[in-house]
Amino acid sequence: MRKIILAAAIAGSALGLAACSEAADDAADTMADAEAVAEEATAEAGEAADAAGEVMDDAAADVEAAADEAVETAEGAMEEAAE
């Protein structure tokens, strides 16, 4: 009788460990998926930041060119007014 009770207790423990192990595996899979998504999002954010930097560089160059053109126009107008 004791052997049957002991065997039942061992079987119950084994089933409990198996269930915990399965839950742990599921949690590990979920964590791995979340980690992959986070890495992909980080990479995309880096690419977006690089693209934004390029746009800002282009805009700065356009502003500089417009400022140079405005200075040249103003200088030309001042020379014409002086004549």
PDB file of N, CA and C in Angstrom:
ATOM      1  N   MET A   1       0.818  -1.181   0.000  1.00  0.00           N
ATOM      2  CA  MET A   1       0.000   0.000   0.000  1.00  0.00           C
ATOM      3  C   MET A   1       0.871   1.258   0.000  1.00  0.00           C
ATOM      4  N   ARG A   2       1.921   1.232   0.806  1.00  0.00           N
ATOM      5  CA  ARG A   2       2.815   2.384   0.853  1.00  0.00           C
ATOM      6  C   ARG A   2       3.480   2.596  -0.496  1.00  0.00           C
ATOM      7  N   LYS A   3       3.807   1.499  -1.150  1.00  0.00           N
ATOM      8  CA  LYS A   3       4.462   1.609  -2.457  1.00  0.00           C
ATOM      9  C   LYS A   3       3.528   2.256  -3.459  1.00  0.00           C
ATOM     10  N   ILE A   4       2.244   1.950  -3.392  1.00  0.00           N
ATOM     11  CA  ILE A   4       1.278   2.533  -4.323  1.00  0.00           C
ATOM     12  C   ILE A   4       1.143   4.032  -4.063  1.00  0.00           C
ATOM     13  N   ILE A   5       1.063   4.399  -2.787  1.00  0.00           N
ATOM     14  CA  ILE A   5       0.942   5.818  -2.431  1.00  0.00           C
ATOM     15  C   ILE A   5       2.206   6.564  -2.851  1.00  0.00           C
ATOM     16  N   LEU A   6       3.355   5.960  -2.589  1.00  0.00           N
ATOM     17  CA  LEU A   6       4.620   6.578  -2.972  1.00  0.00           C
ATOM     18  C   LEU A   6       4.713   6.726  -4.484  1.00  0.00           C
ATOM     19  N   ALA A   7       4.307   5.699  -5.218  1.00  0.00           N
ATOM     20  CA  ALA A   7       4.340   5.753  -6.680  1.00  0.00           C
ATOM     21  C   ALA A   7       3.403   6.837  -7.198  1.00  0.00           C
ATOM     22  N   ALA A   8       2.216   6.960  -6.574  1.00  0.00           N
ATOM     23  CA  ALA A   8       1.262   7.988  -6.986  1.00  0.00           C
ATOM     24  C   ALA A   8       1.826   9.383  -6.704  1.00  0.00           C
ATOM     25  N   ALA A   9       2.481   9.557  -5.562  1.00  0.00           N
ATOM     26  CA  ALA A   9       3.080  10.843  -5.222  1.00  0.00           C
ATOM     27  C   ALA A   9       4.191  11.198  -6.193  1.00  0.00           C
ATOM     28  N   ILE A  10       4.999  10.220  -6.528  1.00  0.00           N
ATOM     29  CA  ILE A  10       6.092  10.446  -7.492  1.00  0.00           C
ATOM     30  C   ILE A  10       5.524  10.796  -8.856  1.00  0.00           C
ATOM     31  N   ALA A  11       4.481  10.083  -9.278  1.00  0.00           N
ATOM     32  CA  ALA A  11       3.872  10.358 -10.573  1.00  0.00           C
ATOM     33  C   ALA A  11       3.278  11.763 -10.586  1.00  0.00           C
ATOM     34  N   GLY A  12       2.642  12.154  -9.478  1.00  0.00           N
ATOM     35  CA  GLY A  12       2.079  13.508  -9.387  1.00  0.00           C
ATOM     36  C   GLY A  12       3.162  14.566  -9.455  1.00  0.00           C
ATOM     37  N   SER A  13       4.250  14.305  -8.776  1.00  0.00           N
ATOM     38  CA  SER A  13       5.375  15.248  -8.824  1.00  0.00           C
ATOM     39  C   SER A  13       5.950  15.340 -10.228  1.00  0.00           C
ATOM     40  N   ALA A  14       6.082  14.207 -10.879  1.00  0.00           N
ATOM     41  CA  ALA A  14       6.615  14.191 -12.244  1.00  0.00           C
ATOM     42  C   ALA A  14       5.713  14.973 -13.184  1.00  0.00           C
ATOM     43  N   LEU A  15       4.394  14.790 -13.024  1.00  0.00           N
ATOM     44  CA  LEU A  15       3.461  15.546 -13.866  1.00  0.00           C
ATOM     45  C   LEU A  15       3.551  17.046 -13.575  1.00  0.00           C
ATOM     46  N   GLY A  16       3.696  17.394 -12.306  1.00  0.00           N
ATOM     47  CA  GLY A  16       3.839  18.802 -11.930  1.00  0.00           C
ATOM     48  C   GLY A  16       5.090  19.413 -12.527  1.00  0.00           C
ATOM     49  N   LEU A  17       6.193  18.674 -12.466  1.00  0.00           N
ATOM     50  CA  LEU A  17       7.441  19.170 -13.059  1.00  0.00           C
ATOM     51  C   LEU A  17       7.329  19.293 -14.563  1.00  0.00           C
ATOM     52  N   ALA A  18       6.650  18.329 -15.175  1.00  0.00           N
ATOM     53  CA  ALA A  18       6.470  18.390 -16.626  1.00  0.00           C
ATOM     54  C   ALA A  18       5.648  19.611 -17.010  1.00  0.00           C
ATOM     55  N   ALA A  19       4.602  19.883 -16.234  1.00  0.00           N
ATOM     56  CA  ALA A  19       3.769  21.058 -16.525  1.00  0.00           C
ATOM     57  C   ALA A  19       4.565  22.342 -16.328  1.00  0.00           C
ATOM     58  N   CYS A  20       5.355  22.404 -15.262  1.00  0.00           N
ATOM     59  CA  CYS A  20       6.187  23.589 -15.025  1.00  0.00           C
ATOM     60  C   CYS A  20       7.225  23.746 -16.121  1.00  0.00           C
ATOM     61  N   SER A  21       7.794  22.642 -16.537  1.00  0.00           N
ATOM     62  CA  SER A  21       8.800  22.675 -17.585  1.00  0.00           C
ATOM     63  C   SER A  21       8.191  23.179 -18.883  1.00  0.00           C
ATOM     64  N   GLU A  22       6.969  22.726 -19.176  1.00  0.00           N
ATOM     65  CA  GLU A  22       6.284  23.165 -20.382  1.00  0.00           C
ATOM     66  C   GLU A  22       5.994  24.667 -20.307  1.00  0.00           C
ATOM     67  N   ALA A  23       5.562  25.125 -19.144  1.00  0.00           N
ATOM     68  CA  ALA A  23       5.290  26.556 -18.973  1.00  0.00           C
ATOM     69  C   ALA A  23       6.584  27.361 -19.093  1.00  0.00           C
ATOM     70  N   ALA A  24       7.654  26.817 -18.558  1.00  0.00           N
ATOM     71  CA  ALA A  24       8.946  27.504 -18.652  1.00  0.00           C
ATOM     72  C   ALA A  24       9.405  27.568 -20.107  1.00  0.00           C
ATOM     73  N   ASP A  25       9.182  26.482 -20.844  1.00  0.00           N
ATOM     74  CA  ASP A  25       9.542  26.488 -22.265  1.00  0.00           C
ATOM     75  C   ASP A  25       8.723  27.529 -23.025  1.00  0.00           C
ATOM     76  N   ASP A  26       7.422  27.589 -22.721  1.00  0.00           N
ATOM     77  CA  ASP A  26       6.566  28.581 -23.376  1.00  0.00           C
ATOM     78  C   ASP A  26       7.022  29.998 -23.042  1.00  0.00           C
ATOM     79  N   ALA A  27       7.365  30.216 -21.779  1.00  0.00           N
ATOM     80  CA  ALA A  27       7.840  31.536 -21.367  1.00  0.00           C
ATOM     81  C   ALA A  27       9.157  31.881 -22.062  1.00  0.00           C
ATOM     82  N   ALA A  28      10.033  30.898 -22.177  1.00  0.00           N
ATOM     83  CA  ALA A  28      11.317  31.138 -22.849  1.00  0.00           C
ATOM     84  C   ALA A  28      11.104  31.462 -24.322  1.00  0.00           C
ATOM     85  N   ASP A  29      10.174  30.753 -24.959  1.00  0.00           N
ATOM     86  CA  ASP A  29       9.867  31.038 -26.360  1.00  0.00           C
ATOM     87  C   ASP A  29       9.303  32.448 -26.516  1.00  0.00           C
ATOM     88  N   THR A  30       8.415  32.821 -25.592  1.00  0.00           N
ATOM     89  CA  THR A  30       7.823  34.161 -25.638  1.00  0.00           C
ATOM     90  C   THR A  30       8.900  35.223 -25.451  1.00  0.00           C
ATOM     91  N   MET A  31       9.810  34.978 -24.515  1.00  0.00           N
ATOM     92  CA  MET A  31      10.896  35.933 -24.284  1.00  0.00           C
ATOM     93  C   MET A  31      11.792  36.047 -25.515  1.00  0.00           C
ATOM     94  N   ALA A  32      12.074  34.921 -26.156  1.00  0.00           N
ATOM     95  CA  ALA A  32      12.915  34.945 -27.351  1.00  0.00           C
ATOM     96  C   ALA A  32      12.232  35.740 -28.467  1.00  0.00           C
ATOM     97  N   ASP A  33      10.913  35.534 -28.606  1.00  0.00           N
ATOM     98  CA  ASP A  33      10.172  36.281 -29.622  1.00  0.00           C
ATOM     99  C   ASP A  33      10.188  37.778 -29.313  1.00  0.00           C
ATOM    100  N   ALA A  34       9.981  38.119 -28.049  1.00  0.00           N
ATOM    101  CA  ALA A  34       9.979  39.527 -27.655  1.00  0.00           C
ATOM    102  C   ALA A  34      11.354  40.152 -27.878  1.00  0.00           C
ATOM    103  N   GLU A  35      12.386  39.398 -27.599  1.00  0.00           N
ATOM    104  CA  GLU A  35      13.751  39.894 -27.795  1.00  0.00           C
ATOM    105  C   GLU A  35      14.021  40.148 -29.277  1.00  0.00           C
ATOM    106  N   ALA A  36      13.547  39.249 -30.127  1.00  0.00           N
ATOM    107  CA  ALA A  36      13.747  39.421 -31.568  1.00  0.00           C
ATOM    108  C   ALA A  36      13.012  40.659 -32.067  1.00  0.00           C
ATOM    109  N   VAL A  37      11.794  40.865 -31.567  1.00  0.00           N
ATOM    110  CA  VAL A  37      11.022  42.044 -31.965  1.00  0.00           C
ATOM    111  C   VAL A  37      11.732  43.314 -31.495  1.00  0.00           C
ATOM    112  N   ALA A  38      12.249  43.289 -30.274  1.00  0.00           N
ATOM    113  CA  ALA A  38      12.954  44.458 -29.742  1.00  0.00           C
ATOM    114  C   ALA A  38      14.205  44.766 -30.558  1.00  0.00           C
ATOM    115  N   GLU A  39      14.942  43.741 -30.941  1.00  0.00           N
ATOM    116  CA  GLU A  39      16.148  43.955 -31.751  1.00  0.00           C
ATOM    117  C   GLU A  39      15.793  44.539 -33.115  1.00  0.00           C
ATOM    118  N   GLU A  40      14.715  44.032 -33.705  1.00  0.00           N
ATOM    119  CA  GLU A  40      14.294  44.539 -35.011  1.00  0.00           C
ATOM    120  C   GLU A  40      13.845  45.996 -34.905  1.00  0.00           C
ATOM    121  N   ALA A  41      13.119  46.308 -33.843  1.00  0.00           N
ATOM    122  CA  ALA A  41      12.658  47.685 -33.644  1.00  0.00           C
ATOM    123  C   ALA A  41      13.841  48.621 -33.425  1.00  0.00           C
ATOM    124  N   THR A  42      14.834  48.153 -32.691  1.00  0.00           N
ATOM    125  CA  THR A  42      16.026  48.969 -32.455  1.00  0.00           C
ATOM    126  C   THR A  42      16.757  49.231 -33.767  1.00  0.00           C
ATOM    127  N   ALA A  43      16.879  48.196 -34.591  1.00  0.00           N
ATOM    128  CA  ALA A  43      17.551  48.365 -35.883  1.00  0.00           C
ATOM    129  C   ALA A  43      16.784  49.346 -36.766  1.00  0.00           C
ATOM    130  N   GLU A  44      15.454  49.215 -36.780  1.00  0.00           N
ATOM    131  CA  GLU A  44      14.652  50.127 -37.598  1.00  0.00           C
ATOM    132  C   GLU A  44      14.745  51.561 -37.081  1.00  0.00           C
ATOM    133  N   ALA A  45      14.788  51.718 -35.766  1.00  0.00           N
ATOM    134  CA  ALA A  45      14.920  53.059 -35.193  1.00  0.00           C
ATOM    135  C   ALA A  45      16.271  53.668 -35.578  1.00  0.00           C
ATOM    136  N   GLY A  46      17.313  52.854 -35.583  1.00  0.00           N
ATOM    137  CA  GLY A  46      18.629  53.342 -35.992  1.00  0.00           C
ATOM    138  C   GLY A  46      18.643  53.781 -37.441  1.00  0.00           C
ATOM    139  N   GLU A  47      17.984  52.996 -38.292  1.00  0.00           N
ATOM    140  CA  GLU A  47      17.903  53.359 -39.706  1.00  0.00           C
ATOM    141  C   GLU A  47      17.113  54.657 -39.891  1.00  0.00           C
ATOM    142  N   ALA A  48      16.035  54.790 -39.129  1.00  0.00           N
ATOM    143  CA  ALA A  48      15.225  56.012 -39.222  1.00  0.00           C
ATOM    144  C   ALA A  48      16.028  57.223 -38.752  1.00  0.00           C
ATOM    145  N   ALA A  49      16.817  57.043 -37.703  1.00  0.00           N
ATOM    146  CA  ALA A  49      17.650  58.145 -37.213  1.00  0.00           C
ATOM    147  C   ALA A  49      18.690  58.532 -38.253  1.00  0.00           C
ATOM    148  N   ASP A  50      19.281  57.547 -38.912  1.00  0.00           N
ATOM    149  CA  ASP A  50      20.252  57.840 -39.968  1.00  0.00           C
ATOM    150  C   ASP A  50      19.600  58.611 -41.110  1.00  0.00           C
ATOM    151  N   ALA A  51      18.406  58.171 -41.504  1.00  0.00           N
ATOM    152  CA  ALA A  51      17.694  58.838 -42.587  1.00  0.00           C
ATOM    153  C   ALA A  51      17.339  60.270 -42.192  1.00  0.00           C
ATOM    154  N   ALA A  52      16.918  60.450 -40.941  1.00  0.00           N
ATOM    155  CA  ALA A  52      16.587  61.797 -40.465  1.00  0.00           C
ATOM    156  C   ALA A  52      17.829  62.683 -40.468  1.00  0.00           C
ATOM    157  N   GLY A  53      18.962  62.121 -40.105  1.00  0.00           N
ATOM    158  CA  GLY A  53      20.212  62.877 -40.128  1.00  0.00           C
ATOM    159  C   GLY A  53      20.571  63.329 -41.531  1.00  0.00           C
ATOM    160  N   GLU A  54      20.360  62.452 -42.506  1.00  0.00           N
ATOM    161  CA  GLU A  54      20.644  62.814 -43.896  1.00  0.00           C
ATOM    162  C   GLU A  54      19.717  63.934 -44.364  1.00  0.00           C
ATOM    163  N   VAL A  55      18.448  63.846 -43.984  1.00  0.00           N
ATOM    164  CA  VAL A  55      17.484  64.888 -44.361  1.00  0.00           C
ATOM    165  C   VAL A  55      17.889  66.212 -43.735  1.00  0.00           C
ATOM    166  N   MET A  56      18.297  66.178 -42.483  1.00  0.00           N
ATOM    167  CA  MET A  56      18.724  67.409 -41.802  1.00  0.00           C
ATOM    168  C   MET A  56      19.966  67.995 -42.465  1.00  0.00           C
ATOM    169  N   ASP A  57      20.911  67.148 -42.860  1.00  0.00           N
ATOM    170  CA  ASP A  57      22.103  67.629 -43.550  1.00  0.00           C
ATOM    171  C   ASP A  57      21.733  68.310 -44.870  1.00  0.00           C
ATOM    172  N   ASP A  58      20.824  67.668 -45.609  1.00  0.00           N
ATOM    173  CA  ASP A  58      20.382  68.252 -46.880  1.00  0.00           C
ATOM    174  C   ASP A  58      19.681  69.592 -46.649  1.00  0.00           C
ATOM    175  N   ALA A  59      18.837  69.648 -45.621  1.00  0.00           N
ATOM    176  CA  ALA A  59      18.128  70.897 -45.326  1.00  0.00           C
ATOM    177  C   ALA A  59      19.106  71.995 -44.928  1.00  0.00           C
ATOM    178  N   ALA A  60      20.106  71.649 -44.146  1.00  0.00           N
ATOM    179  CA  ALA A  60      21.108  72.644 -43.739  1.00  0.00           C
ATOM    180  C   ALA A  60      21.865  73.168 -44.955  1.00  0.00           C
ATOM    181  N   ALA A  61      22.188  72.282 -45.880  1.00  0.00           N
ATOM    182  CA  ALA A  61      22.881  72.708 -47.093  1.00  0.00           C
ATOM    183  C   ALA A  61      21.992  73.633 -47.920  1.00  0.00           C
ATOM    184  N   ASP A  62      20.692  73.326 -47.999  1.00  0.00           N
ATOM    185  CA  ASP A  62      19.754  74.179 -48.738  1.00  0.00           C
ATOM    186  C   ASP A  62      19.639  75.552 -48.089  1.00  0.00           C
ATOM    187  N   VAL A  63      19.573  75.588 -46.763  1.00  0.00           N
ATOM    188  CA  VAL A  63      19.479  76.867 -46.046  1.00  0.00           C
ATOM    189  C   VAL A  63      20.737  77.683 -46.273  1.00  0.00           C
ATOM    190  N   GLU A  64      21.887  77.022 -46.215  1.00  0.00           N
ATOM    191  CA  GLU A  64      23.148  77.734 -46.437  1.00  0.00           C
ATOM    192  C   GLU A  64      23.203  78.319 -47.852  1.00  0.00           C
ATOM    193  N   ALA A  65      22.767  77.528 -48.835  1.00  0.00           N
ATOM    194  CA  ALA A  65      22.777  78.016 -50.213  1.00  0.00           C
ATOM    195  C   ALA A  65      21.817  79.189 -50.380  1.00  0.00           C
ATOM    196  N   ALA A  66      20.649  79.098 -49.748  1.00  0.00           N
ATOM    197  CA  ALA A  66      19.681  80.195 -49.840  1.00  0.00           C
ATOM    198  C   ALA A  66      20.217  81.452 -49.168  1.00  0.00           C
ATOM    199  N   ALA A  67      20.907  81.283 -48.046  1.00  0.00           N
ATOM    200  CA  ALA A  67      21.484  82.437 -47.352  1.00  0.00           C
ATOM    201  C   ALA A  67      22.570  83.080 -48.201  1.00  0.00           C
ATOM    202  N   ASP A  68      23.406  82.267 -48.816  1.00  0.00           N
ATOM    203  CA  ASP A  68      24.454  82.807 -49.687  1.00  0.00           C
ATOM    204  C   ASP A  68      23.851  83.582 -50.848  1.00  0.00           C
ATOM    205  N   GLU A  69      22.788  83.012 -51.414  1.00  0.00           N
ATOM    206  CA  GLU A  69      22.123  83.680 -52.537  1.00  0.00           C
ATOM    207  C   GLU A  69      21.494  84.997 -52.084  1.00  0.00           C
ATOM    208  N   ALA A  70      20.922  85.027 -50.909  1.00  0.00           N
ATOM    209  CA  ALA A  70      20.309  86.252 -50.385  1.00  0.00           C
ATOM    210  C   ALA A  70      21.369  87.322 -50.155  1.00  0.00           C
ATOM    211  N   VAL A  71      22.527  86.923 -49.652  1.00  0.00           N
ATOM    212  CA  VAL A  71      23.618  87.875 -49.426  1.00  0.00           C
ATOM    213  C   VAL A  71      24.093  88.445 -50.755  1.00  0.00           C
ATOM    214  N   GLU A  72      24.256  87.592 -51.748  1.00  0.00           N
ATOM    215  CA  GLU A  72      24.701  88.054 -53.060  1.00  0.00           C
ATOM    216  C   GLU A  72      23.686  89.017 -53.675  1.00  0.00           C
ATOM    217  N   THR A  73      22.403  88.690 -53.507  1.00  0.00           N
ATOM    218  CA  THR A  73      21.348  89.561 -54.048  1.00  0.00           C
ATOM    219  C   THR A  73      21.368  90.909 -53.335  1.00  0.00           C
ATOM    220  N   ALA A  74      21.529  90.874 -52.016  1.00  0.00           N
ATOM    221  CA  ALA A  74      21.575  92.121 -51.255  1.00  0.00           C
ATOM    222  C   ALA A  74      22.784  92.959 -51.624  1.00  0.00           C
ATOM    223  N   GLU A  75      23.922  92.305 -51.792  1.00  0.00           N
ATOM    224  CA  GLU A  75      25.133  93.033 -52.195  1.00  0.00           C
ATOM    225  C   GLU A  75      24.954  93.653 -53.568  1.00  0.00           C
ATOM    226  N   GLY A  76      24.343  92.892 -54.473  1.00  0.00           N
ATOM    227  CA  GLY A  76      24.099  93.430 -55.823  1.00  0.00           C
ATOM    228  C   GLY A  76      23.163  94.614 -55.780  1.00  0.00           C
ATOM    229  N   ALA A  77      22.129  94.533 -54.951  1.00  0.00           N
ATOM    230  CA  ALA A  77      21.187  95.641 -54.835  1.00  0.00           C
ATOM    231  C   ALA A  77      21.843  96.862 -54.229  1.00  0.00           C
ATOM    232  N   MET A  78      22.735  96.654 -53.259  1.00  0.00           N
ATOM    233  CA  MET A  78      23.451  97.783 -52.652  1.00  0.00           C
ATOM    234  C   MET A  78      24.393  98.444 -53.654  1.00  0.00           C
ATOM    235  N   GLU A  79      25.048  97.660 -54.496  1.00  0.00           N
ATOM    236  CA  GLU A  79      25.950  98.208 -55.503  1.00  0.00           C
ATOM    237  C   GLU A  79      25.175  99.015 -56.531  1.00  0.00           C
ATOM    238  N   GLU A  80      24.011  98.495 -56.911  1.00  0.00           N
ATOM    239  CA  GLU A  80      23.189  99.213 -57.891  1.00  0.00           C
ATOM    240  C   GLU A  80      22.668 100.521 -57.297  1.00  0.00           C
ATOM    241  N   ALA A  81      22.315 100.494 -56.025  1.00  0.00           N
ATOM    242  CA  ALA A  81      21.805 101.704 -55.369  1.00  0.00           C
ATOM    243  C   ALA A  81      22.910 102.740 -55.216  1.00  0.00           C
ATOM    244  N   ALA A  82      24.138 102.283 -55.050  1.00  0.00           N
ATOM    245  CA  ALA A  82      25.247 103.203 -54.886  1.00  0.00           C
ATOM    246  C   ALA A  82      25.610 103.869 -56.201  1.00  0.00           C
ATOM    247  N   GLU A  83      25.275 103.302 -57.312  1.00  0.00           N
ATOM    248  CA  GLU A  83      25.622 103.868 -58.616  1.00  0.00           C
ATOM    249  C   GLU A  83      24.720 104.956 -59.000  1.00  0.00           C
TER     250      GLU A  83
END
